[in-house]
Amino acid sequence: MRKPSRQGGNKLRTKALAIYLILLLTIVSFTSIMSARGIGEGQWITAYTVEDTQTGQKLIEADFATSDEPTVFAPVISGQELTVTFTVNVVISGPGNLRLSTNMQRPSGGQYWELIPGDYDLGAGYAPNSASMEFSWEQGTFEMICYGKVSTVTKSTNVTLVQLSGTTGDVLDAIKVIVLTAGADEFQNLYDQKEDKLQDLINSGVAAGYTEMYENVLNQSKALVGKGYVNEAIALLNAIPSSGEPIGSALEMIMIPAIGIAAVAAVIFAFLFMRARGKSSYVQLVIEDQIKDLEGLTLRASRVDRTISSSLESVKDRLKNLVGM
């Protein structure tokens, strides 16, 4: 029996790696499209930080003078007590009053609001022990701290931490976050384990090609959690191989372990896209085209390595189920 040439094996591995990269980059693009931060444009609330009141851990930080998107360091968990420090810039005076409110429950300390000393005068409307307060609509800038406890939720829920509205009730700006259930703790523990594993791989000399891909998957899992998809993020992390990373060229190392990640990645992308936007005929055509490519690649892979062939077959079957083939 004729053995496959080294050149043919390299081409096969290159094509398989390309398919994996396409799947992963699809998730990267999709995550950016699915931005659900629910915050205004930073025209009124120009900066803020969200911290865990008990531990002081910074969870979210935003400065719209430097970036259009907040930086998420850790998820907000159901029932968590938060400290939200924010800056409001009232560009011009207006008729009537402005109103600050929060949907959080009363904090253990009892006080909702704390005005950071400055030149802005809230007047008699300043009510630190009330969930909402009104004050004169005057030009100026002020900093405020809002304390509160996030309500207990049974599924990922969009919660308004701080809202600024006008006299007529029109919302001018708001700080909204996705509050996750206790399952986020499971994700964080798993993420920490995978992050430690990544550092071990780097220290042991595993080629950069694999460790960079590993780190990319970790980043995407955090992005999924930031959008409220905790179970999908856990599934993505569980798809990362926990052992058997060979030392060698980047293509040789990435090939086999990456297939498992690609399978889950493909399923997650298609599931999220269909749930958010409905079943797109264009996307279906693209997936069907990829299935055809996979069929040919699987046949060729079976002549080189049955493990690779089996993994590719699994990816193909999952994609077929998703598009109803």
C-alpha atoms as a PDB file:
ATOM      1  CA  MET A   1       0.000   0.000   0.000  1.00  0.00           C
ATOM      2  CA  ARG A   2       1.352   3.395  -0.982  1.00  0.00           C
ATOM      3  CA  LYS A   3       2.095   5.655   1.961  1.00  0.00           C
ATOM      4  CA  PRO A   4       0.977   9.273   1.807  1.00  0.00           C
ATOM      5  CA  SER A   5       3.785  11.649   0.978  1.00  0.00           C
ATOM      6  CA  ARG A   6       5.076  14.094   3.581  1.00  0.00           C
ATOM      7  CA  GLN A   7       4.031  16.925   1.296  1.00  0.00           C
ATOM      8  CA  GLY A   8       0.477  15.579   1.068  1.00  0.00           C
ATOM      9  CA  GLY A   9       0.260  15.253   4.853  1.00  0.00           C
ATOM     10  CA  ASN A  10       1.419  18.837   5.323  1.00  0.00           C
ATOM     11  CA  LYS A  11      -1.186  20.094   2.848  1.00  0.00           C
ATOM     12  CA  LEU A  12      -3.889  18.171   4.692  1.00  0.00           C
ATOM     13  CA  ARG A  13      -2.851  19.600   8.032  1.00  0.00           C
ATOM     14  CA  THR A  14      -2.678  23.116   6.565  1.00  0.00           C
ATOM     15  CA  LYS A  15      -6.207  22.847   5.160  1.00  0.00           C
ATOM     16  CA  ALA A  16      -7.608  21.438   8.395  1.00  0.00           C
ATOM     17  CA  LEU A  17      -5.939  24.214  10.367  1.00  0.00           C
ATOM     18  CA  ALA A  18      -7.406  26.768   7.970  1.00  0.00           C
ATOM     19  CA  ILE A  19     -10.906  25.400   8.579  1.00  0.00           C
ATOM     20  CA  TYR A  20     -10.376  25.626  12.318  1.00  0.00           C
ATOM     21  CA  LEU A  21      -9.161  29.216  12.045  1.00  0.00           C
ATOM     22  CA  ILE A  22     -12.209  30.139   9.962  1.00  0.00           C
ATOM     23  CA  LEU A  23     -14.537  28.667  12.587  1.00  0.00           C
ATOM     24  CA  LEU A  24     -12.802  30.439  15.439  1.00  0.00           C
ATOM     25  CA  LEU A  25     -12.598  33.760  13.631  1.00  0.00           C
ATOM     26  CA  THR A  26     -16.317  33.432  12.881  1.00  0.00           C
ATOM     27  CA  ILE A  27     -16.960  33.356  16.603  1.00  0.00           C
ATOM     28  CA  VAL A  28     -14.709  36.400  17.084  1.00  0.00           C
ATOM     29  CA  SER A  29     -16.701  38.362  14.502  1.00  0.00           C
ATOM     30  CA  PHE A  30     -20.024  37.125  15.849  1.00  0.00           C
ATOM     31  CA  THR A  31     -19.171  38.117  19.413  1.00  0.00           C
ATOM     32  CA  SER A  32     -18.467  41.686  18.323  1.00  0.00           C
ATOM     33  CA  ILE A  33     -21.780  41.790  16.395  1.00  0.00           C
ATOM     34  CA  MET A  34     -23.690  40.528  19.411  1.00  0.00           C
ATOM     35  CA  SER A  35     -22.640  43.446  21.620  1.00  0.00           C
ATOM     36  CA  ALA A  36     -25.361  43.842  24.248  1.00  0.00           C
ATOM     37  CA  ARG A  37     -23.905  46.255  26.734  1.00  0.00           C
ATOM     38  CA  GLY A  38     -27.118  48.339  26.688  1.00  0.00           C
ATOM     39  CA  ILE A  39     -25.334  51.557  27.626  1.00  0.00           C
ATOM     40  CA  GLY A  40     -25.817  55.018  26.155  1.00  0.00           C
ATOM     41  CA  GLU A  41     -23.197  56.662  23.985  1.00  0.00           C
ATOM     42  CA  GLY A  42     -21.329  58.174  26.902  1.00  0.00           C
ATOM     43  CA  GLN A  43     -22.696  61.660  26.225  1.00  0.00           C
ATOM     44  CA  TRP A  44     -24.031  62.052  29.773  1.00  0.00           C
ATOM     45  CA  ILE A  45     -22.414  59.283  31.840  1.00  0.00           C
ATOM     46  CA  THR A  46     -18.866  59.651  30.537  1.00  0.00           C
ATOM     47  CA  ALA A  47     -17.058  57.117  32.739  1.00  0.00           C
ATOM     48  CA  TYR A  48     -17.816  54.504  35.385  1.00  0.00           C
ATOM     49  CA  THR A  49     -16.464  51.548  37.329  1.00  0.00           C
ATOM     50  CA  VAL A  50     -18.381  48.646  38.857  1.00  0.00           C
ATOM     51  CA  GLU A  51     -16.835  46.904  41.853  1.00  0.00           C
ATOM     52  CA  ASP A  52     -17.761  44.111  44.245  1.00  0.00           C
ATOM     53  CA  THR A  53     -18.571  45.950  47.476  1.00  0.00           C
ATOM     54  CA  GLN A  54     -17.434  43.088  49.712  1.00  0.00           C
ATOM     55  CA  THR A  55     -14.079  42.310  48.067  1.00  0.00           C
ATOM     56  CA  GLY A  56     -13.290  45.544  46.249  1.00  0.00           C
ATOM     57  CA  GLN A  57     -12.684  43.582  43.010  1.00  0.00           C
ATOM     58  CA  LYS A  58     -13.122  45.691  39.880  1.00  0.00           C
ATOM     59  CA  LEU A  59     -15.678  44.010  37.614  1.00  0.00           C
ATOM     60  CA  ILE A  60     -16.251  46.545  34.825  1.00  0.00           C
ATOM     61  CA  GLU A  61     -14.580  49.789  33.813  1.00  0.00           C
ATOM     62  CA  ALA A  62     -15.533  52.307  31.130  1.00  0.00           C
ATOM     63  CA  ASP A  63     -14.107  55.626  29.976  1.00  0.00           C
ATOM     64  CA  PHE A  64     -15.892  56.767  26.827  1.00  0.00           C
ATOM     65  CA  ALA A  65     -13.263  59.415  26.176  1.00  0.00           C
ATOM     66  CA  THR A  66     -10.827  56.635  25.260  1.00  0.00           C
ATOM     67  CA  SER A  67     -13.024  53.689  24.220  1.00  0.00           C
ATOM     68  CA  ASP A  68     -16.578  53.045  23.014  1.00  0.00           C
ATOM     69  CA  GLU A  69     -16.797  49.768  24.922  1.00  0.00           C
ATOM     70  CA  PRO A  70     -16.423  48.992  28.637  1.00  0.00           C
ATOM     71  CA  THR A  71     -13.725  46.588  29.805  1.00  0.00           C
ATOM     72  CA  VAL A  72     -15.150  43.540  31.603  1.00  0.00           C
ATOM     73  CA  PHE A  73     -12.790  41.982  34.163  1.00  0.00           C
ATOM     74  CA  ALA A  74     -15.290  39.608  35.786  1.00  0.00           C
ATOM     75  CA  PRO A  75     -19.041  38.890  35.506  1.00  0.00           C
ATOM     76  CA  VAL A  76     -21.705  40.405  37.760  1.00  0.00           C
ATOM     77  CA  ILE A  77     -23.333  37.610  39.767  1.00  0.00           C
ATOM     78  CA  SER A  78     -26.910  37.276  40.987  1.00  0.00           C
ATOM     79  CA  GLY A  79     -27.324  38.725  44.502  1.00  0.00           C
ATOM     80  CA  GLN A  80     -23.949  40.485  44.458  1.00  0.00           C
ATOM     81  CA  GLU A  81     -23.505  43.826  46.268  1.00  0.00           C
ATOM     82  CA  LEU A  82     -22.029  46.460  43.964  1.00  0.00           C
ATOM     83  CA  THR A  83     -20.354  49.841  44.185  1.00  0.00           C
ATOM     84  CA  VAL A  84     -20.827  51.878  41.007  1.00  0.00           C
ATOM     85  CA  THR A  85     -18.728  55.033  40.694  1.00  0.00           C
ATOM     86  CA  PHE A  86     -19.651  57.225  37.726  1.00  0.00           C
ATOM     87  CA  THR A  87     -19.175  60.679  36.200  1.00  0.00           C
ATOM     88  CA  VAL A  88     -22.059  62.718  34.757  1.00  0.00           C
ATOM     89  CA  ASN A  89     -21.406  65.575  32.344  1.00  0.00           C
ATOM     90  CA  VAL A  90     -24.388  67.924  31.975  1.00  0.00           C
ATOM     91  CA  VAL A  91     -23.330  69.814  28.856  1.00  0.00           C
ATOM     92  CA  ILE A  92     -26.053  72.478  28.978  1.00  0.00           C
ATOM     93  CA  SER A  93     -28.734  73.586  31.408  1.00  0.00           C
ATOM     94  CA  GLY A  94     -32.305  72.536  30.668  1.00  0.00           C
ATOM     95  CA  PRO A  95     -35.874  73.054  31.878  1.00  0.00           C
ATOM     96  CA  GLY A  96     -37.116  71.165  34.913  1.00  0.00           C
ATOM     97  CA  ASN A  97     -35.125  68.493  36.724  1.00  0.00           C
ATOM     98  CA  LEU A  98     -32.847  65.564  36.078  1.00  0.00           C
ATOM     99  CA  ARG A  99     -33.549  62.237  37.756  1.00  0.00           C
ATOM    100  CA  LEU A 100     -31.084  59.586  38.943  1.00  0.00           C
ATOM    101  CA  SER A 101     -32.400  56.122  39.783  1.00  0.00           C
ATOM    102  CA  THR A 102     -31.258  52.540  40.291  1.00  0.00           C
ATOM    103  CA  ASN A 103     -32.993  49.179  39.976  1.00  0.00           C
ATOM    104  CA  MET A 104     -30.724  47.598  42.569  1.00  0.00           C
ATOM    105  CA  GLN A 105     -32.028  46.615  45.976  1.00  0.00           C
ATOM    106  CA  ARG A 106     -31.053  48.528  49.101  1.00  0.00           C
ATOM    107  CA  PRO A 107     -27.440  47.787  50.106  1.00  0.00           C
ATOM    108  CA  SER A 108     -26.514  46.382  53.500  1.00  0.00           C
ATOM    109  CA  GLY A 109     -25.128  49.802  54.458  1.00  0.00           C
ATOM    110  CA  GLY A 110     -28.547  51.362  53.809  1.00  0.00           C
ATOM    111  CA  GLN A 111     -27.339  54.312  51.701  1.00  0.00           C
ATOM    112  CA  TYR A 112     -27.847  54.264  47.920  1.00  0.00           C
ATOM    113  CA  TRP A 113     -25.958  57.393  46.842  1.00  0.00           C
ATOM    114  CA  GLU A 114     -22.811  59.231  47.810  1.00  0.00           C
ATOM    115  CA  LEU A 115     -21.910  62.514  46.085  1.00  0.00           C
ATOM    116  CA  ILE A 116     -18.168  62.968  45.658  1.00  0.00           C
ATOM    117  CA  PRO A 117     -17.375  66.543  46.770  1.00  0.00           C
ATOM    118  CA  GLY A 118     -17.108  69.004  43.886  1.00  0.00           C
ATOM    119  CA  ASP A 119     -18.558  72.199  42.440  1.00  0.00           C
ATOM    120  CA  TYR A 120     -21.889  70.755  41.294  1.00  0.00           C
ATOM    121  CA  ASP A 121     -24.791  71.487  43.642  1.00  0.00           C
ATOM    122  CA  LEU A 122     -27.618  68.946  43.728  1.00  0.00           C
ATOM    123  CA  GLY A 123     -29.517  71.147  46.153  1.00  0.00           C
ATOM    124  CA  ALA A 124     -32.404  69.917  48.283  1.00  0.00           C
ATOM    125  CA  GLY A 125     -33.094  67.087  45.826  1.00  0.00           C
ATOM    126  CA  TYR A 126     -30.076  65.091  47.003  1.00  0.00           C
ATOM    127  CA  ALA A 127     -31.595  62.037  48.733  1.00  0.00           C
ATOM    128  CA  PRO A 128     -28.844  59.492  49.471  1.00  0.00           C
ATOM    129  CA  ASN A 129     -31.183  56.978  51.119  1.00  0.00           C
ATOM    130  CA  SER A 130     -33.704  56.812  48.267  1.00  0.00           C
ATOM    131  CA  ALA A 131     -33.485  54.629  45.151  1.00  0.00           C
ATOM    132  CA  SER A 132     -34.226  57.719  43.039  1.00  0.00           C
ATOM    133  CA  MET A 133     -33.810  61.465  43.360  1.00  0.00           C
ATOM    134  CA  GLU A 134     -34.381  64.620  41.326  1.00  0.00           C
ATOM    135  CA  PHE A 135     -32.263  67.760  41.117  1.00  0.00           C
ATOM    136  CA  SER A 136     -32.131  70.959  39.041  1.00  0.00           C
ATOM    137  CA  TRP A 137     -31.006  70.566  35.439  1.00  0.00           C
ATOM    138  CA  GLU A 138     -27.914  72.746  35.607  1.00  0.00           C
ATOM    139  CA  GLN A 139     -24.788  72.665  33.469  1.00  0.00           C
ATOM    140  CA  GLY A 140     -21.740  71.067  35.075  1.00  0.00           C
ATOM    141  CA  THR A 141     -19.973  67.826  35.916  1.00  0.00           C
ATOM    142  CA  PHE A 142     -20.237  65.703  39.041  1.00  0.00           C
ATOM    143  CA  GLU A 143     -19.115  62.304  40.334  1.00  0.00           C
ATOM    144  CA  MET A 144     -21.418  60.000  42.234  1.00  0.00           C
ATOM    145  CA  ILE A 145     -21.278  56.584  43.856  1.00  0.00           C
ATOM    146  CA  CYS A 146     -24.266  54.248  43.781  1.00  0.00           C
ATOM    147  CA  TYR A 147     -24.454  51.322  46.226  1.00  0.00           C
ATOM    148  CA  GLY A 148     -26.855  48.445  45.861  1.00  0.00           C
ATOM    149  CA  LYS A 149     -27.524  44.727  45.743  1.00  0.00           C
ATOM    150  CA  VAL A 150     -28.325  43.021  42.458  1.00  0.00           C
ATOM    151  CA  SER A 151     -31.613  41.148  42.478  1.00  0.00           C
ATOM    152  CA  THR A 152     -31.567  37.351  42.510  1.00  0.00           C
ATOM    153  CA  VAL A 153     -32.111  36.036  38.984  1.00  0.00           C
ATOM    154  CA  THR A 154     -32.714  32.550  37.615  1.00  0.00           C
ATOM    155  CA  LYS A 155     -31.333  33.283  34.141  1.00  0.00           C
ATOM    156  CA  SER A 156     -29.037  35.863  32.565  1.00  0.00           C
ATOM    157  CA  THR A 157     -30.803  39.208  32.955  1.00  0.00           C
ATOM    158  CA  ASN A 158     -30.085  42.754  31.801  1.00  0.00           C
ATOM    159  CA  VAL A 159     -30.180  45.019  34.888  1.00  0.00           C
ATOM    160  CA  THR A 160     -30.029  48.811  35.096  1.00  0.00           C
ATOM    161  CA  LEU A 161     -27.534  49.829  37.768  1.00  0.00           C
ATOM    162  CA  VAL A 162     -27.857  53.586  37.193  1.00  0.00           C
ATOM    163  CA  GLN A 163     -30.249  55.555  35.002  1.00  0.00           C
ATOM    164  CA  LEU A 164     -30.305  59.271  34.194  1.00  0.00           C
ATOM    165  CA  SER A 165     -33.561  60.661  32.807  1.00  0.00           C
ATOM    166  CA  GLY A 166     -35.137  64.029  32.053  1.00  0.00           C
ATOM    167  CA  THR A 167     -38.261  65.772  33.261  1.00  0.00           C
ATOM    168  CA  THR A 168     -40.537  63.904  30.851  1.00  0.00           C
ATOM    169  CA  GLY A 169     -39.080  60.526  31.837  1.00  0.00           C
ATOM    170  CA  ASP A 170     -36.989  60.134  28.687  1.00  0.00           C
ATOM    171  CA  VAL A 171     -33.868  58.085  29.424  1.00  0.00           C
ATOM    172  CA  LEU A 172     -30.774  60.167  28.700  1.00  0.00           C
ATOM    173  CA  ASP A 173     -28.188  57.554  29.603  1.00  0.00           C
ATOM    174  CA  ALA A 174     -27.847  54.388  31.668  1.00  0.00           C
ATOM    175  CA  ILE A 175     -25.386  51.877  33.032  1.00  0.00           C
ATOM    176  CA  LYS A 176     -26.696  48.393  32.284  1.00  0.00           C
ATOM    177  CA  VAL A 177     -25.016  45.043  32.847  1.00  0.00           C
ATOM    178  CA  ILE A 178     -25.898  41.421  32.275  1.00  0.00           C
ATOM    179  CA  VAL A 179     -26.331  39.688  35.639  1.00  0.00           C
ATOM    180  CA  LEU A 180     -25.495  36.001  35.591  1.00  0.00           C
ATOM    181  CA  THR A 181     -26.712  33.129  37.724  1.00  0.00           C
ATOM    182  CA  ALA A 182     -24.488  31.217  40.125  1.00  0.00           C
ATOM    183  CA  GLY A 183     -23.292  29.137  37.147  1.00  0.00           C
ATOM    184  CA  ALA A 184     -20.804  31.930  36.499  1.00  0.00           C
ATOM    185  CA  ASP A 185     -18.826  30.698  39.504  1.00  0.00           C
ATOM    186  CA  GLU A 186     -18.369  27.366  37.756  1.00  0.00           C
ATOM    187  CA  PHE A 187     -17.142  29.186  34.667  1.00  0.00           C
ATOM    188  CA  GLN A 188     -14.680  31.287  36.659  1.00  0.00           C
ATOM    189  CA  ASN A 189     -13.203  28.244  38.402  1.00  0.00           C
ATOM    190  CA  LEU A 190     -12.841  26.407  35.097  1.00  0.00           C
ATOM    191  CA  TYR A 191     -11.380  29.495  33.444  1.00  0.00           C
ATOM    192  CA  ASP A 192      -8.766  29.865  36.201  1.00  0.00           C
ATOM    193  CA  GLN A 193      -7.761  26.219  35.725  1.00  0.00           C
ATOM    194  CA  LYS A 194      -7.380  26.656  31.965  1.00  0.00           C
ATOM    195  CA  GLU A 195      -5.449  29.887  32.443  1.00  0.00           C
ATOM    196  CA  ASP A 196      -2.999  28.128  34.801  1.00  0.00           C
ATOM    197  CA  LYS A 197      -2.686  25.333  32.235  1.00  0.00           C
ATOM    198  CA  LEU A 198      -1.834  27.868  29.550  1.00  0.00           C
ATOM    199  CA  GLN A 199       0.978  29.278  31.649  1.00  0.00           C
ATOM    200  CA  ASP A 200       2.311  25.757  32.215  1.00  0.00           C
ATOM    201  CA  LEU A 201       2.301  25.136  28.462  1.00  0.00           C
ATOM    202  CA  ILE A 202       4.196  28.356  27.836  1.00  0.00           C
ATOM    203  CA  ASN A 203       6.747  27.518  30.531  1.00  0.00           C
ATOM    204  CA  SER A 204       7.235  23.998  29.155  1.00  0.00           C
ATOM    205  CA  GLY A 205       8.131  25.281  25.700  1.00  0.00           C
ATOM    206  CA  VAL A 206       5.014  24.390  23.708  1.00  0.00           C
ATOM    207  CA  ALA A 207       5.214  26.267  20.407  1.00  0.00           C
ATOM    208  CA  ALA A 208       3.625  29.712  20.192  1.00  0.00           C
ATOM    209  CA  GLY A 209       1.158  28.593  17.518  1.00  0.00           C
ATOM    210  CA  TYR A 210      -0.719  26.399  19.971  1.00  0.00           C
ATOM    211  CA  THR A 211      -0.511  28.658  23.024  1.00  0.00           C
ATOM    212  CA  GLU A 212      -1.751  31.664  21.043  1.00  0.00           C
ATOM    213  CA  MET A 213      -4.752  29.681  19.828  1.00  0.00           C
ATOM    214  CA  TYR A 214      -5.360  28.439  23.388  1.00  0.00           C
ATOM    215  CA  GLU A 215      -5.319  32.017  24.689  1.00  0.00           C
ATOM    216  CA  ASN A 216      -7.688  33.113  21.920  1.00  0.00           C
ATOM    217  CA  VAL A 217     -10.231  30.498  23.003  1.00  0.00           C
ATOM    218  CA  LEU A 218      -9.939  31.695  26.617  1.00  0.00           C
ATOM    219  CA  ASN A 219     -10.645  35.262  25.498  1.00  0.00           C
ATOM    220  CA  GLN A 220     -13.670  34.181  23.503  1.00  0.00           C
ATOM    221  CA  SER A 221     -15.074  32.286  26.485  1.00  0.00           C
ATOM    222  CA  LYS A 222     -14.928  35.503  28.520  1.00  0.00           C
ATOM    223  CA  ALA A 223     -16.649  37.377  25.700  1.00  0.00           C
ATOM    224  CA  LEU A 224     -19.469  34.815  25.686  1.00  0.00           C
ATOM    225  CA  VAL A 225     -19.915  35.170  29.457  1.00  0.00           C
ATOM    226  CA  GLY A 226     -20.016  38.934  29.048  1.00  0.00           C
ATOM    227  CA  LYS A 227     -23.032  38.481  26.773  1.00  0.00           C
ATOM    228  CA  GLY A 228     -24.734  36.097  29.203  1.00  0.00           C
ATOM    229  CA  TYR A 229     -23.937  32.787  27.481  1.00  0.00           C
ATOM    230  CA  VAL A 230     -22.448  31.033  30.505  1.00  0.00           C
ATOM    231  CA  ASN A 231     -23.239  27.451  29.503  1.00  0.00           C
ATOM    232  CA  GLU A 232     -21.818  27.994  26.020  1.00  0.00           C
ATOM    233  CA  ALA A 233     -18.646  29.476  27.502  1.00  0.00           C
ATOM    234  CA  ILE A 234     -18.238  26.485  29.827  1.00  0.00           C
ATOM    235  CA  ALA A 235     -18.704  24.119  26.882  1.00  0.00           C
ATOM    236  CA  LEU A 236     -16.034  25.976  24.936  1.00  0.00           C
ATOM    237  CA  LEU A 237     -13.553  25.722  27.816  1.00  0.00           C
ATOM    238  CA  ASN A 238     -14.310  22.039  28.326  1.00  0.00           C
ATOM    239  CA  ALA A 239     -13.479  21.415  24.669  1.00  0.00           C
ATOM    240  CA  ILE A 240      -9.869  22.477  25.240  1.00  0.00           C
ATOM    241  CA  PRO A 241      -7.704  19.338  25.586  1.00  0.00           C
ATOM    242  CA  SER A 242      -6.271  18.923  29.087  1.00  0.00           C
ATOM    243  CA  SER A 243      -3.301  16.788  28.074  1.00  0.00           C
ATOM    244  CA  GLY A 244      -1.350  15.346  25.182  1.00  0.00           C
ATOM    245  CA  GLU A 245       0.067  18.557  23.738  1.00  0.00           C
ATOM    246  CA  PRO A 246       3.121  17.428  21.738  1.00  0.00           C
ATOM    247  CA  ILE A 247       6.263  19.528  21.412  1.00  0.00           C
ATOM    248  CA  GLY A 248       6.897  20.300  17.762  1.00  0.00           C
ATOM    249  CA  SER A 249       5.899  22.566  14.927  1.00  0.00           C
ATOM    250  CA  ALA A 250       2.809  24.710  15.334  1.00  0.00           C
ATOM    251  CA  LEU A 251       0.878  22.820  12.647  1.00  0.00           C
ATOM    252  CA  GLU A 252       1.673  19.401  14.125  1.00  0.00           C
ATOM    253  CA  MET A 253       0.654  20.528  17.604  1.00  0.00           C
ATOM    254  CA  ILE A 254      -2.518  22.386  16.765  1.00  0.00           C
ATOM    255  CA  MET A 255      -3.967  19.860  14.362  1.00  0.00           C
ATOM    256  CA  ILE A 256      -5.414  17.142  16.603  1.00  0.00           C
ATOM    257  CA  PRO A 257      -6.397  19.057  19.803  1.00  0.00           C
ATOM    258  CA  ALA A 258      -7.836  21.954  17.842  1.00  0.00           C
ATOM    259  CA  ILE A 259     -10.434  19.760  16.126  1.00  0.00           C
ATOM    260  CA  GLY A 260     -12.293  19.243  19.414  1.00  0.00           C
ATOM    261  CA  ILE A 261     -12.420  22.982  20.022  1.00  0.00           C
ATOM    262  CA  ALA A 262     -13.536  23.602  16.455  1.00  0.00           C
ATOM    263  CA  ALA A 263     -16.461  21.195  16.816  1.00  0.00           C
ATOM    264  CA  VAL A 264     -17.857  23.000  19.859  1.00  0.00           C
ATOM    265  CA  ALA A 265     -17.033  26.397  18.368  1.00  0.00           C
ATOM    266  CA  ALA A 266     -18.988  25.624  15.216  1.00  0.00           C
ATOM    267  CA  VAL A 267     -22.030  24.473  17.172  1.00  0.00           C
ATOM    268  CA  ILE A 268     -21.968  27.465  19.517  1.00  0.00           C
ATOM    269  CA  PHE A 269     -21.703  29.966  16.663  1.00  0.00           C
ATOM    270  CA  ALA A 270     -24.578  28.489  14.691  1.00  0.00           C
ATOM    271  CA  PHE A 271     -26.773  28.148  17.800  1.00  0.00           C
ATOM    272  CA  LEU A 272     -26.218  31.736  18.936  1.00  0.00           C
ATOM    273  CA  PHE A 273     -26.679  33.195  15.485  1.00  0.00           C
ATOM    274  CA  MET A 274     -29.950  31.374  14.859  1.00  0.00           C
ATOM    275  CA  ARG A 275     -31.267  32.250  18.319  1.00  0.00           C
ATOM    276  CA  ALA A 276     -30.451  35.949  17.896  1.00  0.00           C
ATOM    277  CA  ARG A 277     -31.279  36.601  14.256  1.00  0.00           C
ATOM    278  CA  GLY A 278     -33.339  33.693  12.983  1.00  0.00           C
ATOM    279  CA  LYS A 279     -32.220  31.146  10.438  1.00  0.00           C
ATOM    280  CA  SER A 280     -30.344  33.081   7.758  1.00  0.00           C
ATOM    281  CA  SER A 281     -30.410  31.511   4.303  1.00  0.00           C
ATOM    282  CA  TYR A 282     -27.051  33.045   3.486  1.00  0.00           C
ATOM    283  CA  VAL A 283     -25.377  31.590   6.573  1.00  0.00           C
ATOM    284  CA  GLN A 284     -27.008  28.229   5.843  1.00  0.00           C
ATOM    285  CA  LEU A 285     -25.506  28.230   2.365  1.00  0.00           C
ATOM    286  CA  VAL A 286     -22.075  29.017   3.787  1.00  0.00           C
ATOM    287  CA  ILE A 287     -22.343  26.191   6.327  1.00  0.00           C
ATOM    288  CA  GLU A 288     -23.518  23.742   3.668  1.00  0.00           C
ATOM    289  CA  ASP A 289     -20.526  24.710   1.531  1.00  0.00           C
ATOM    290  CA  GLN A 290     -18.196  24.057   4.460  1.00  0.00           C
ATOM    291  CA  ILE A 291     -19.839  20.648   4.961  1.00  0.00           C
ATOM    292  CA  LYS A 292     -18.976  19.706   1.382  1.00  0.00           C
ATOM    293  CA  ASP A 293     -15.367  20.744   1.973  1.00  0.00           C
ATOM    294  CA  LEU A 294     -15.280  18.711   5.168  1.00  0.00           C
ATOM    295  CA  GLU A 295     -16.565  15.609   3.397  1.00  0.00           C
ATOM    296  CA  GLY A 296     -13.651  15.656   0.970  1.00  0.00           C
ATOM    297  CA  LEU A 297     -11.151  16.469   3.695  1.00  0.00           C
ATOM    298  CA  THR A 298     -12.476  13.664   5.923  1.00  0.00           C
ATOM    299  CA  LEU A 299     -11.978  11.108   3.159  1.00  0.00           C
ATOM    300  CA  ARG A 300      -8.388  12.239   2.604  1.00  0.00           C
ATOM    301  CA  ALA A 301      -7.715  12.388   6.343  1.00  0.00           C
ATOM    302  CA  SER A 302      -8.800   8.755   6.767  1.00  0.00           C
ATOM    303  CA  ARG A 303      -5.792   7.739   4.696  1.00  0.00           C
ATOM    304  CA  VAL A 304      -3.416   9.567   7.025  1.00  0.00           C
ATOM    305  CA  ASP A 305      -4.882   9.390  10.544  1.00  0.00           C
ATOM    306  CA  ARG A 306      -8.159   7.779  11.636  1.00  0.00           C
ATOM    307  CA  THR A 307      -8.341   9.974  14.776  1.00  0.00           C
ATOM    308  CA  ILE A 308      -8.277  13.134  12.685  1.00  0.00           C
ATOM    309  CA  SER A 309     -10.815  11.625  10.296  1.00  0.00           C
ATOM    310  CA  SER A 310     -13.182  10.765  13.168  1.00  0.00           C
ATOM    311  CA  SER A 311     -12.931  14.277  14.615  1.00  0.00           C
ATOM    312  CA  LEU A 312     -13.675  15.874  11.246  1.00  0.00           C
ATOM    313  CA  GLU A 313     -16.637  13.527  10.796  1.00  0.00           C
ATOM    314  CA  SER A 314     -18.027  14.709  14.147  1.00  0.00           C
ATOM    315  CA  VAL A 315     -17.729  18.368  13.100  1.00  0.00           C
ATOM    316  CA  LYS A 316     -19.486  17.593   9.813  1.00  0.00           C
ATOM    317  CA  ASP A 317     -22.365  15.731  11.506  1.00  0.00           C
ATOM    318  CA  ARG A 318     -22.990  18.560  13.971  1.00  0.00           C
ATOM    319  CA  LEU A 319     -23.115  21.129  11.191  1.00  0.00           C
ATOM    320  CA  LYS A 320     -25.507  18.923   9.214  1.00  0.00           C
ATOM    321  CA  ASN A 321     -27.853  18.665  12.201  1.00  0.00           C
ATOM    322  CA  LEU A 322     -27.875  22.426  12.621  1.00  0.00           C
ATOM    323  CA  VAL A 323     -28.906  23.190   9.045  1.00  0.00           C
ATOM    324  CA  GLY A 324     -31.261  20.202   8.761  1.00  0.00           C
ATOM    325  CA  MET A 325     -29.322  18.258   6.140  1.00  0.00           C
END
